Amino acid sequence: MNSTPNAIKRDEKTGDPLFIDRRELRLRYEIPVKDIYPFFDGLREGRVLASKCKICLALYFPPQGSCPTCRKSDMDWVELGPTAKLLAVTKVYIKPQSFAEEEDYILGVGEFPEGVKALARLLFEGSRMPKIGTQMRIAVTKDSGENPLYVFVPTEPGSNEPAP
């Protein structure tokens, strides 16, 4: 008899048996943020900050505690925005477990004049998604747990047209 339990399948590359666990796996991360703590202070103050290397002048968002380019830890802080050009937009229907109870939401990638890009939720009026090229303003709001987070909103409410 050559049957295997439902929880076992063969690896496509090696043919080795793999156990497929059907249980939910919840992970909780504790990430040290001492070197980028000014970013969180900025959010609480309503500002979105990027880190900038004082040596090679590279700008990073999300912020970095040390420069990946020159490997120095002499970093400074730069406030982003207030506007960004919308480069990509998508509606999220199938959400990660941690967001499963939330309504479908819209994410966008915006590029700031400083050259860095950010992924953030889009908040806008009406049912028409903002178009690629729309000027967005970065804003700080709070989630349901009262934690500050950054979002994009159109620079002109109700404006879902691309910027010139």
N, C-alpha and C. Protein backbone atom coordinates (compact mmCIF):
# COMPACT_ATOMS: atom_id res chain seq x y z
N MET A 1 0.85 -1.18 0.00
CA MET A 1 0.00 0.00 0.00
C MET A 1 0.89 1.24 0.00
N ASN A 2 0.67 2.18 -0.94
CA ASN A 2 1.54 3.33 -1.12
C ASN A 2 0.80 4.63 -0.83
N SER A 3 0.10 4.72 0.28
CA SER A 3 -0.62 5.95 0.60
C SER A 3 0.16 6.75 1.64
N THR A 4 0.00 8.06 1.61
CA THR A 4 0.63 8.94 2.59
C THR A 4 -0.46 9.77 3.24
N PRO A 5 -0.25 10.20 4.48
CA PRO A 5 -1.25 11.05 5.13
C PRO A 5 -1.43 12.35 4.35
N ASN A 6 -2.61 12.99 4.50
CA ASN A 6 -2.91 14.24 3.80
C ASN A 6 -1.92 15.35 4.11
N ALA A 7 -1.31 15.29 5.28
CA ALA A 7 -0.39 16.35 5.71
C ALA A 7 1.00 16.17 5.12
N ILE A 8 1.22 15.16 4.31
CA ILE A 8 2.53 14.93 3.71
C ILE A 8 2.42 15.13 2.20
N LYS A 9 3.37 15.91 1.65
CA LYS A 9 3.46 16.03 0.20
C LYS A 9 4.94 15.98 -0.18
N ARG A 10 5.20 15.82 -1.43
CA ARG A 10 6.59 15.72 -1.90
C ARG A 10 7.10 17.07 -2.37
N ASP A 11 8.33 17.40 -1.99
CA ASP A 11 8.98 18.60 -2.46
C ASP A 11 9.17 18.49 -3.97
N GLU A 12 8.80 19.53 -4.71
CA GLU A 12 8.87 19.49 -6.17
C GLU A 12 10.30 19.34 -6.69
N LYS A 13 11.28 19.91 -6.00
CA LYS A 13 12.66 19.85 -6.47
C LYS A 13 13.37 18.57 -6.06
N THR A 14 13.25 18.21 -4.77
CA THR A 14 14.04 17.08 -4.27
C THR A 14 13.27 15.78 -4.18
N GLY A 15 11.93 15.87 -4.16
CA GLY A 15 11.12 14.66 -3.99
C GLY A 15 11.02 14.22 -2.54
N ASP A 16 11.68 14.93 -1.64
CA ASP A 16 11.64 14.58 -0.22
C ASP A 16 10.24 14.83 0.34
N PRO A 17 9.83 14.02 1.32
CA PRO A 17 8.52 14.24 1.94
C PRO A 17 8.54 15.50 2.82
N LEU A 18 7.47 16.29 2.74
CA LEU A 18 7.31 17.50 3.55
C LEU A 18 6.04 17.37 4.38
N PHE A 19 6.11 17.72 5.65
CA PHE A 19 4.93 17.72 6.50
C PHE A 19 4.27 19.09 6.39
N ILE A 20 3.00 19.14 6.08
CA ILE A 20 2.24 20.38 5.95
C ILE A 20 1.35 20.50 7.18
N ASP A 21 1.68 21.43 8.05
CA ASP A 21 0.92 21.63 9.28
C ASP A 21 -0.26 22.55 8.98
N ARG A 22 -1.44 22.20 9.38
CA ARG A 22 -2.65 22.98 9.12
C ARG A 22 -2.98 23.96 10.24
N ARG A 23 -2.15 23.98 11.28
CA ARG A 23 -2.42 24.88 12.39
C ARG A 23 -1.92 26.27 12.09
N GLU A 24 -2.57 27.25 12.71
CA GLU A 24 -2.17 28.64 12.56
C GLU A 24 -0.89 28.89 13.35
N LEU A 25 0.01 29.63 12.77
CA LEU A 25 1.26 29.99 13.43
C LEU A 25 1.27 31.50 13.60
N ARG A 26 1.24 31.94 14.83
CA ARG A 26 1.29 33.37 15.11
C ARG A 26 2.70 33.71 15.56
N LEU A 27 3.25 34.77 14.99
CA LEU A 27 4.58 35.22 15.35
C LEU A 27 4.48 36.61 15.96
N ARG A 28 5.26 36.87 16.95
CA ARG A 28 5.33 38.20 17.54
C ARG A 28 6.80 38.59 17.50
N TYR A 29 7.06 39.73 16.89
CA TYR A 29 8.43 40.20 16.76
C TYR A 29 8.70 41.30 17.77
N GLU A 30 9.84 41.24 18.38
CA GLU A 30 10.33 42.32 19.21
C GLU A 30 11.63 42.78 18.56
N ILE A 31 11.57 43.96 17.98
CA ILE A 31 12.68 44.48 17.19
C ILE A 31 13.28 45.68 17.90
N PRO A 32 14.57 45.66 18.18
CA PRO A 32 15.17 46.82 18.84
C PRO A 32 15.14 48.03 17.91
N VAL A 33 14.70 49.17 18.44
CA VAL A 33 14.57 50.37 17.61
C VAL A 33 15.32 51.57 18.20
N LYS A 34 16.25 51.31 19.09
CA LYS A 34 16.97 52.41 19.74
C LYS A 34 17.58 53.38 18.72
N ASP A 35 18.20 52.84 17.67
CA ASP A 35 18.89 53.69 16.70
C ASP A 35 17.94 54.47 15.79
N ILE A 36 16.68 54.05 15.72
CA ILE A 36 15.72 54.77 14.87
C ILE A 36 14.55 55.33 15.68
N TYR A 37 14.73 55.41 17.00
CA TYR A 37 13.65 55.89 17.85
C TYR A 37 13.17 57.30 17.48
N PRO A 38 14.03 58.20 16.98
CA PRO A 38 13.53 59.51 16.55
C PRO A 38 12.41 59.42 15.50
N PHE A 39 12.40 58.36 14.70
CA PHE A 39 11.31 58.15 13.73
C PHE A 39 9.97 58.06 14.46
N PHE A 40 9.91 57.27 15.54
CA PHE A 40 8.67 57.09 16.30
C PHE A 40 8.30 58.36 17.06
N ASP A 41 9.30 59.08 17.57
CA ASP A 41 9.04 60.39 18.19
C ASP A 41 8.42 61.33 17.16
N GLY A 42 8.98 61.33 15.95
CA GLY A 42 8.45 62.17 14.88
C GLY A 42 6.99 61.85 14.57
N LEU A 43 6.66 60.57 14.49
CA LEU A 43 5.27 60.19 14.24
C LEU A 43 4.35 60.73 15.33
N ARG A 44 4.77 60.61 16.58
CA ARG A 44 3.94 61.12 17.69
C ARG A 44 3.76 62.64 17.58
N GLU A 45 4.73 63.32 16.95
CA GLU A 45 4.65 64.77 16.77
C GLU A 45 3.95 65.13 15.45
N GLY A 46 3.54 64.11 14.67
CA GLY A 46 2.87 64.39 13.40
C GLY A 46 3.81 64.57 12.22
N ARG A 47 5.06 64.13 12.37
CA ARG A 47 6.06 64.28 11.30
C ARG A 47 6.56 62.91 10.86
N VAL A 48 6.91 62.79 9.57
CA VAL A 48 7.46 61.54 9.04
C VAL A 48 8.93 61.81 8.70
N LEU A 49 9.81 61.04 9.34
CA LEU A 49 11.25 61.28 9.21
C LEU A 49 11.95 60.15 8.47
N ALA A 50 12.96 60.51 7.71
CA ALA A 50 13.87 59.56 7.07
C ALA A 50 15.23 59.77 7.71
N SER A 51 16.09 58.76 7.63
CA SER A 51 17.45 58.92 8.14
C SER A 51 18.37 59.26 6.97
N LYS A 52 19.39 60.06 7.28
CA LYS A 52 20.34 60.49 6.26
C LYS A 52 21.75 60.34 6.82
N CYS A 53 22.59 59.66 6.05
CA CYS A 53 23.97 59.46 6.46
C CYS A 53 24.73 60.78 6.38
N LYS A 54 25.41 61.14 7.47
CA LYS A 54 26.19 62.38 7.50
C LYS A 54 27.48 62.25 6.69
N ILE A 55 27.90 61.01 6.40
CA ILE A 55 29.15 60.79 5.68
C ILE A 55 28.92 60.80 4.16
N CYS A 56 28.06 59.89 3.68
CA CYS A 56 27.87 59.77 2.22
C CYS A 56 26.58 60.44 1.74
N LEU A 57 25.78 60.99 2.66
CA LEU A 57 24.55 61.73 2.37
C LEU A 57 23.41 60.89 1.80
N ALA A 58 23.52 59.56 1.88
CA ALA A 58 22.44 58.69 1.40
C ALA A 58 21.23 58.85 2.33
N LEU A 59 20.04 58.86 1.72
CA LEU A 59 18.79 59.04 2.44
C LEU A 59 18.04 57.72 2.48
N TYR A 60 17.45 57.36 3.64
CA TYR A 60 16.78 56.07 3.78
C TYR A 60 15.39 56.20 4.39
N PHE A 61 14.45 55.54 3.74
CA PHE A 61 13.12 55.35 4.29
C PHE A 61 12.64 53.99 3.86
N PRO A 62 12.24 53.13 4.79
CA PRO A 62 12.23 53.35 6.22
C PRO A 62 13.63 53.67 6.74
N PRO A 63 13.66 54.39 7.87
CA PRO A 63 14.96 54.83 8.39
C PRO A 63 15.85 53.67 8.81
N GLN A 64 17.14 53.93 8.73
CA GLN A 64 18.16 52.95 9.12
C GLN A 64 18.99 53.53 10.26
N GLY A 65 19.42 52.69 11.16
CA GLY A 65 20.27 53.13 12.26
C GLY A 65 21.71 53.33 11.86
N SER A 66 22.13 52.60 10.82
CA SER A 66 23.47 52.72 10.26
C SER A 66 23.33 52.74 8.75
N CYS A 67 24.27 53.35 8.08
CA CYS A 67 24.21 53.48 6.62
C CYS A 67 24.62 52.17 5.94
N PRO A 68 23.71 51.55 5.18
CA PRO A 68 24.06 50.34 4.45
C PRO A 68 25.08 50.59 3.33
N THR A 69 25.19 51.85 2.88
CA THR A 69 26.10 52.18 1.78
C THR A 69 27.55 52.27 2.25
N CYS A 70 27.80 53.11 3.25
CA CYS A 70 29.19 53.29 3.70
C CYS A 70 29.46 52.63 5.05
N ARG A 71 28.45 52.01 5.63
CA ARG A 71 28.56 51.24 6.87
C ARG A 71 28.97 52.08 8.09
N LYS A 72 28.59 53.35 8.07
CA LYS A 72 28.85 54.23 9.22
C LYS A 72 27.54 54.41 9.98
N SER A 73 27.65 54.75 11.26
CA SER A 73 26.44 54.93 12.06
C SER A 73 26.20 56.40 12.42
N ASP A 74 26.81 57.28 11.69
CA ASP A 74 26.65 58.72 11.92
C ASP A 74 25.48 59.22 11.08
N MET A 75 24.25 59.10 11.64
CA MET A 75 23.04 59.41 10.89
C MET A 75 22.38 60.68 11.41
N ASP A 76 21.66 61.32 10.51
CA ASP A 76 20.89 62.52 10.83
C ASP A 76 19.44 62.24 10.45
N TRP A 77 18.53 63.17 10.76
CA TRP A 77 17.10 62.99 10.49
C TRP A 77 16.59 64.09 9.58
N VAL A 78 15.79 63.69 8.59
CA VAL A 78 15.23 64.62 7.61
C VAL A 78 13.72 64.39 7.56
N GLU A 79 12.96 65.48 7.64
CA GLU A 79 11.50 65.35 7.53
C GLU A 79 11.12 65.19 6.07
N LEU A 80 10.28 64.20 5.78
CA LEU A 80 9.83 63.94 4.42
C LEU A 80 8.60 64.78 4.09
N GLY A 81 8.46 65.02 2.79
CA GLY A 81 7.22 65.63 2.31
C GLY A 81 7.31 67.13 2.26
N PRO A 82 6.15 67.71 2.23
CA PRO A 82 4.89 67.12 2.64
C PRO A 82 4.16 66.35 1.53
N THR A 83 4.67 66.41 0.29
CA THR A 83 3.95 65.73 -0.79
C THR A 83 4.80 64.64 -1.44
N ALA A 84 4.09 63.72 -2.07
CA ALA A 84 4.74 62.63 -2.81
C ALA A 84 3.89 62.35 -4.05
N LYS A 85 4.53 61.88 -5.10
CA LYS A 85 3.83 61.51 -6.32
C LYS A 85 3.46 60.03 -6.25
N LEU A 86 2.20 59.71 -6.49
CA LEU A 86 1.73 58.33 -6.41
C LEU A 86 2.28 57.53 -7.60
N LEU A 87 3.05 56.47 -7.29
CA LEU A 87 3.66 55.64 -8.33
C LEU A 87 2.91 54.35 -8.57
N ALA A 88 2.27 53.81 -7.54
CA ALA A 88 1.55 52.54 -7.66
C ALA A 88 0.42 52.53 -6.63
N VAL A 89 -0.65 51.83 -6.97
CA VAL A 89 -1.79 51.73 -6.06
C VAL A 89 -2.44 50.37 -6.23
N THR A 90 -2.92 49.79 -5.12
CA THR A 90 -3.60 48.51 -5.18
C THR A 90 -4.59 48.41 -4.03
N LYS A 91 -5.66 47.67 -4.25
CA LYS A 91 -6.63 47.40 -3.19
C LYS A 91 -6.33 46.01 -2.63
N VAL A 92 -6.27 45.91 -1.32
CA VAL A 92 -5.95 44.65 -0.66
C VAL A 92 -7.25 43.99 -0.21
N TYR A 93 -7.58 42.87 -0.85
CA TYR A 93 -8.77 42.09 -0.52
C TYR A 93 -8.42 40.94 0.42
N ILE A 94 -7.31 40.27 0.14
CA ILE A 94 -6.88 39.13 0.94
C ILE A 94 -5.75 39.64 1.83
N LYS A 95 -6.05 39.70 3.11
CA LYS A 95 -5.17 40.36 4.06
C LYS A 95 -4.38 39.35 4.91
N PRO A 96 -3.24 39.78 5.43
CA PRO A 96 -2.52 38.94 6.39
C PRO A 96 -3.40 38.73 7.62
N GLN A 97 -3.14 37.68 8.36
CA GLN A 97 -3.94 37.34 9.53
C GLN A 97 -4.11 38.51 10.49
N SER A 98 -3.05 39.29 10.67
CA SER A 98 -3.11 40.40 11.62
C SER A 98 -4.06 41.51 11.18
N PHE A 99 -4.46 41.53 9.90
CA PHE A 99 -5.39 42.54 9.39
C PHE A 99 -6.71 41.91 8.93
N ALA A 100 -6.92 40.63 9.23
CA ALA A 100 -8.06 39.89 8.69
C ALA A 100 -9.41 40.49 9.06
N GLU A 101 -9.51 41.12 10.21
CA GLU A 101 -10.79 41.68 10.66
C GLU A 101 -11.07 43.05 10.08
N GLU A 102 -10.11 43.64 9.40
CA GLU A 102 -10.29 44.98 8.84
C GLU A 102 -10.98 44.91 7.49
N GLU A 103 -11.62 46.03 7.13
CA GLU A 103 -12.21 46.17 5.80
C GLU A 103 -11.07 46.14 4.77
N ASP A 104 -11.43 45.85 3.50
CA ASP A 104 -10.43 45.94 2.44
C ASP A 104 -9.83 47.35 2.47
N TYR A 105 -8.56 47.46 2.11
CA TYR A 105 -7.90 48.76 2.18
C TYR A 105 -7.03 48.98 0.94
N ILE A 106 -6.65 50.23 0.75
CA ILE A 106 -5.86 50.64 -0.42
C ILE A 106 -4.45 50.98 0.04
N LEU A 107 -3.46 50.46 -0.68
CA LEU A 107 -2.05 50.79 -0.43
C LEU A 107 -1.50 51.51 -1.64
N GLY A 108 -0.55 52.40 -1.40
CA GLY A 108 0.10 53.10 -2.50
C GLY A 108 1.57 53.28 -2.22
N VAL A 109 2.32 53.42 -3.29
CA VAL A 109 3.74 53.77 -3.19
C VAL A 109 3.87 55.20 -3.68
N GLY A 110 4.44 56.05 -2.84
CA GLY A 110 4.65 57.45 -3.21
C GLY A 110 6.13 57.77 -3.24
N GLU A 111 6.51 58.62 -4.18
CA GLU A 111 7.90 59.07 -4.26
C GLU A 111 7.98 60.53 -3.83
N PHE A 112 8.85 60.78 -2.87
CA PHE A 112 9.02 62.13 -2.33
C PHE A 112 10.02 62.92 -3.17
N PRO A 113 9.94 64.25 -3.13
CA PRO A 113 10.92 65.07 -3.87
C PRO A 113 12.36 64.74 -3.48
N GLU A 114 12.56 64.25 -2.25
CA GLU A 114 13.90 63.89 -1.79
C GLU A 114 14.42 62.63 -2.46
N GLY A 115 13.54 61.92 -3.21
CA GLY A 115 13.96 60.74 -3.96
C GLY A 115 13.62 59.41 -3.32
N VAL A 116 13.21 59.39 -2.06
CA VAL A 116 12.87 58.11 -1.43
C VAL A 116 11.41 57.78 -1.69
N LYS A 117 11.10 56.49 -1.59
CA LYS A 117 9.73 56.00 -1.81
C LYS A 117 9.21 55.42 -0.51
N ALA A 118 7.89 55.48 -0.35
CA ALA A 118 7.26 54.92 0.84
C ALA A 118 5.99 54.17 0.45
N LEU A 119 5.74 53.10 1.14
CA LEU A 119 4.50 52.34 1.01
C LEU A 119 3.61 52.75 2.17
N ALA A 120 2.37 53.13 1.87
CA ALA A 120 1.46 53.57 2.93
C ALA A 120 0.02 53.33 2.49
N ARG A 121 -0.88 53.31 3.47
CA ARG A 121 -2.30 53.26 3.16
C ARG A 121 -2.70 54.58 2.50
N LEU A 122 -3.68 54.49 1.61
CA LEU A 122 -4.23 55.68 0.98
C LEU A 122 -5.59 55.95 1.60
N LEU A 123 -5.82 57.18 2.02
CA LEU A 123 -7.12 57.60 2.52
C LEU A 123 -7.65 58.65 1.55
N PHE A 124 -8.83 58.41 1.00
CA PHE A 124 -9.40 59.35 0.05
C PHE A 124 -10.91 59.27 0.09
N GLU A 125 -11.56 60.31 -0.45
CA GLU A 125 -13.01 60.37 -0.48
C GLU A 125 -13.54 59.71 -1.75
N GLY A 126 -14.74 59.19 -1.68
CA GLY A 126 -15.37 58.61 -2.85
C GLY A 126 -14.91 57.19 -3.12
N SER A 127 -15.37 56.67 -4.24
CA SER A 127 -15.07 55.27 -4.56
C SER A 127 -14.00 55.14 -5.64
N ARG A 128 -13.63 56.25 -6.29
CA ARG A 128 -12.59 56.19 -7.32
C ARG A 128 -11.21 56.28 -6.71
N MET A 129 -10.40 55.26 -6.99
CA MET A 129 -9.03 55.27 -6.48
C MET A 129 -8.24 56.40 -7.15
N PRO A 130 -7.34 57.02 -6.39
CA PRO A 130 -6.46 58.02 -7.02
C PRO A 130 -5.66 57.38 -8.15
N LYS A 131 -5.41 58.15 -9.18
CA LYS A 131 -4.66 57.67 -10.34
C LYS A 131 -3.16 57.82 -10.12
N ILE A 132 -2.42 56.99 -10.83
CA ILE A 132 -0.96 57.10 -10.81
C ILE A 132 -0.59 58.52 -11.23
N GLY A 133 0.34 59.12 -10.53
CA GLY A 133 0.76 60.48 -10.83
C GLY A 133 0.08 61.52 -9.94
N THR A 134 -0.95 61.13 -9.19
CA THR A 134 -1.63 62.06 -8.30
C THR A 134 -0.67 62.52 -7.21
N GLN A 135 -0.71 63.80 -6.91
CA GLN A 135 0.09 64.33 -5.80
C GLN A 135 -0.62 63.96 -4.50
N MET A 136 0.13 63.34 -3.62
CA MET A 136 -0.40 62.92 -2.33
C MET A 136 0.33 63.69 -1.23
N ARG A 137 -0.36 63.87 -0.13
CA ARG A 137 0.24 64.49 1.05
C ARG A 137 0.44 63.38 2.07
N ILE A 138 1.59 63.38 2.73
CA ILE A 138 1.79 62.40 3.79
C ILE A 138 1.23 63.00 5.07
N ALA A 139 0.50 62.18 5.81
CA ALA A 139 -0.12 62.64 7.05
C ALA A 139 0.08 61.56 8.11
N VAL A 140 -0.03 61.96 9.35
CA VAL A 140 0.07 61.02 10.46
C VAL A 140 -1.31 60.92 11.10
N THR A 141 -1.76 59.70 11.30
CA THR A 141 -3.04 59.43 11.95
C THR A 141 -2.78 58.36 13.01
N LYS A 142 -3.84 57.82 13.58
CA LYS A 142 -3.67 56.76 14.58
C LYS A 142 -4.48 55.54 14.17
N ASP A 143 -3.96 54.37 14.50
CA ASP A 143 -4.70 53.14 14.22
C ASP A 143 -5.71 52.90 15.34
N SER A 144 -6.41 51.79 15.28
CA SER A 144 -7.45 51.50 16.27
C SER A 144 -6.88 51.35 17.67
N GLY A 145 -5.60 51.05 17.78
CA GLY A 145 -4.94 50.94 19.08
C GLY A 145 -4.31 52.24 19.54
N GLU A 146 -4.62 53.34 18.83
CA GLU A 146 -4.08 54.67 19.15
C GLU A 146 -2.59 54.80 18.91
N ASN A 147 -2.03 53.93 18.05
CA ASN A 147 -0.63 54.04 17.67
C ASN A 147 -0.52 54.92 16.44
N PRO A 148 0.46 55.84 16.40
CA PRO A 148 0.59 56.70 15.22
C PRO A 148 1.08 55.91 14.01
N LEU A 149 0.55 56.26 12.84
CA LEU A 149 1.01 55.68 11.59
C LEU A 149 0.88 56.71 10.49
N TYR A 150 1.66 56.55 9.44
CA TYR A 150 1.62 57.50 8.33
C TYR A 150 0.75 56.95 7.21
N VAL A 151 0.08 57.88 6.52
CA VAL A 151 -0.82 57.54 5.42
C VAL A 151 -0.64 58.58 4.31
N PHE A 152 -1.12 58.24 3.12
CA PHE A 152 -1.18 59.21 2.03
C PHE A 152 -2.61 59.66 1.85
N VAL A 153 -2.80 60.96 1.61
CA VAL A 153 -4.10 61.51 1.26
C VAL A 153 -3.89 62.43 0.05
N PRO A 154 -4.89 62.51 -0.86
CA PRO A 154 -4.72 63.43 -2.00
C PRO A 154 -4.49 64.85 -1.50
N THR A 155 -3.69 65.63 -2.24
CA THR A 155 -3.41 67.00 -1.81
C THR A 155 -4.66 67.86 -1.85
N GLU A 156 -5.58 67.55 -2.77
CA GLU A 156 -6.86 68.24 -2.82
C GLU A 156 -7.95 67.20 -2.60
N PRO A 157 -8.71 67.30 -1.48
CA PRO A 157 -9.76 66.31 -1.22
C PRO A 157 -10.68 66.15 -2.42
N GLY A 158 -10.98 64.89 -2.73
CA GLY A 158 -11.86 64.60 -3.87
C GLY A 158 -11.12 64.59 -5.20
N SER A 159 -9.84 64.98 -5.20
CA SER A 159 -9.06 65.00 -6.45
C SER A 159 -8.41 63.66 -6.67
N ASN A 160 -8.89 62.94 -7.65
CA ASN A 160 -8.31 61.65 -8.00
C ASN A 160 -7.73 61.69 -9.40
N GLU A 161 -7.33 62.88 -9.83
CA GLU A 161 -6.75 63.05 -11.16
C GLU A 161 -5.23 63.13 -11.06
N PRO A 162 -4.53 62.67 -12.10
CA PRO A 162 -3.07 62.75 -12.05
C PRO A 162 -2.56 64.19 -12.03
N ALA A 163 -1.43 64.37 -11.39
CA ALA A 163 -0.79 65.68 -11.35
C ALA A 163 -0.11 65.95 -12.68
N PRO A 164 0.06 67.23 -13.03
CA PRO A 164 0.75 67.56 -14.31
C PRO A 164 2.20 67.16 -14.29
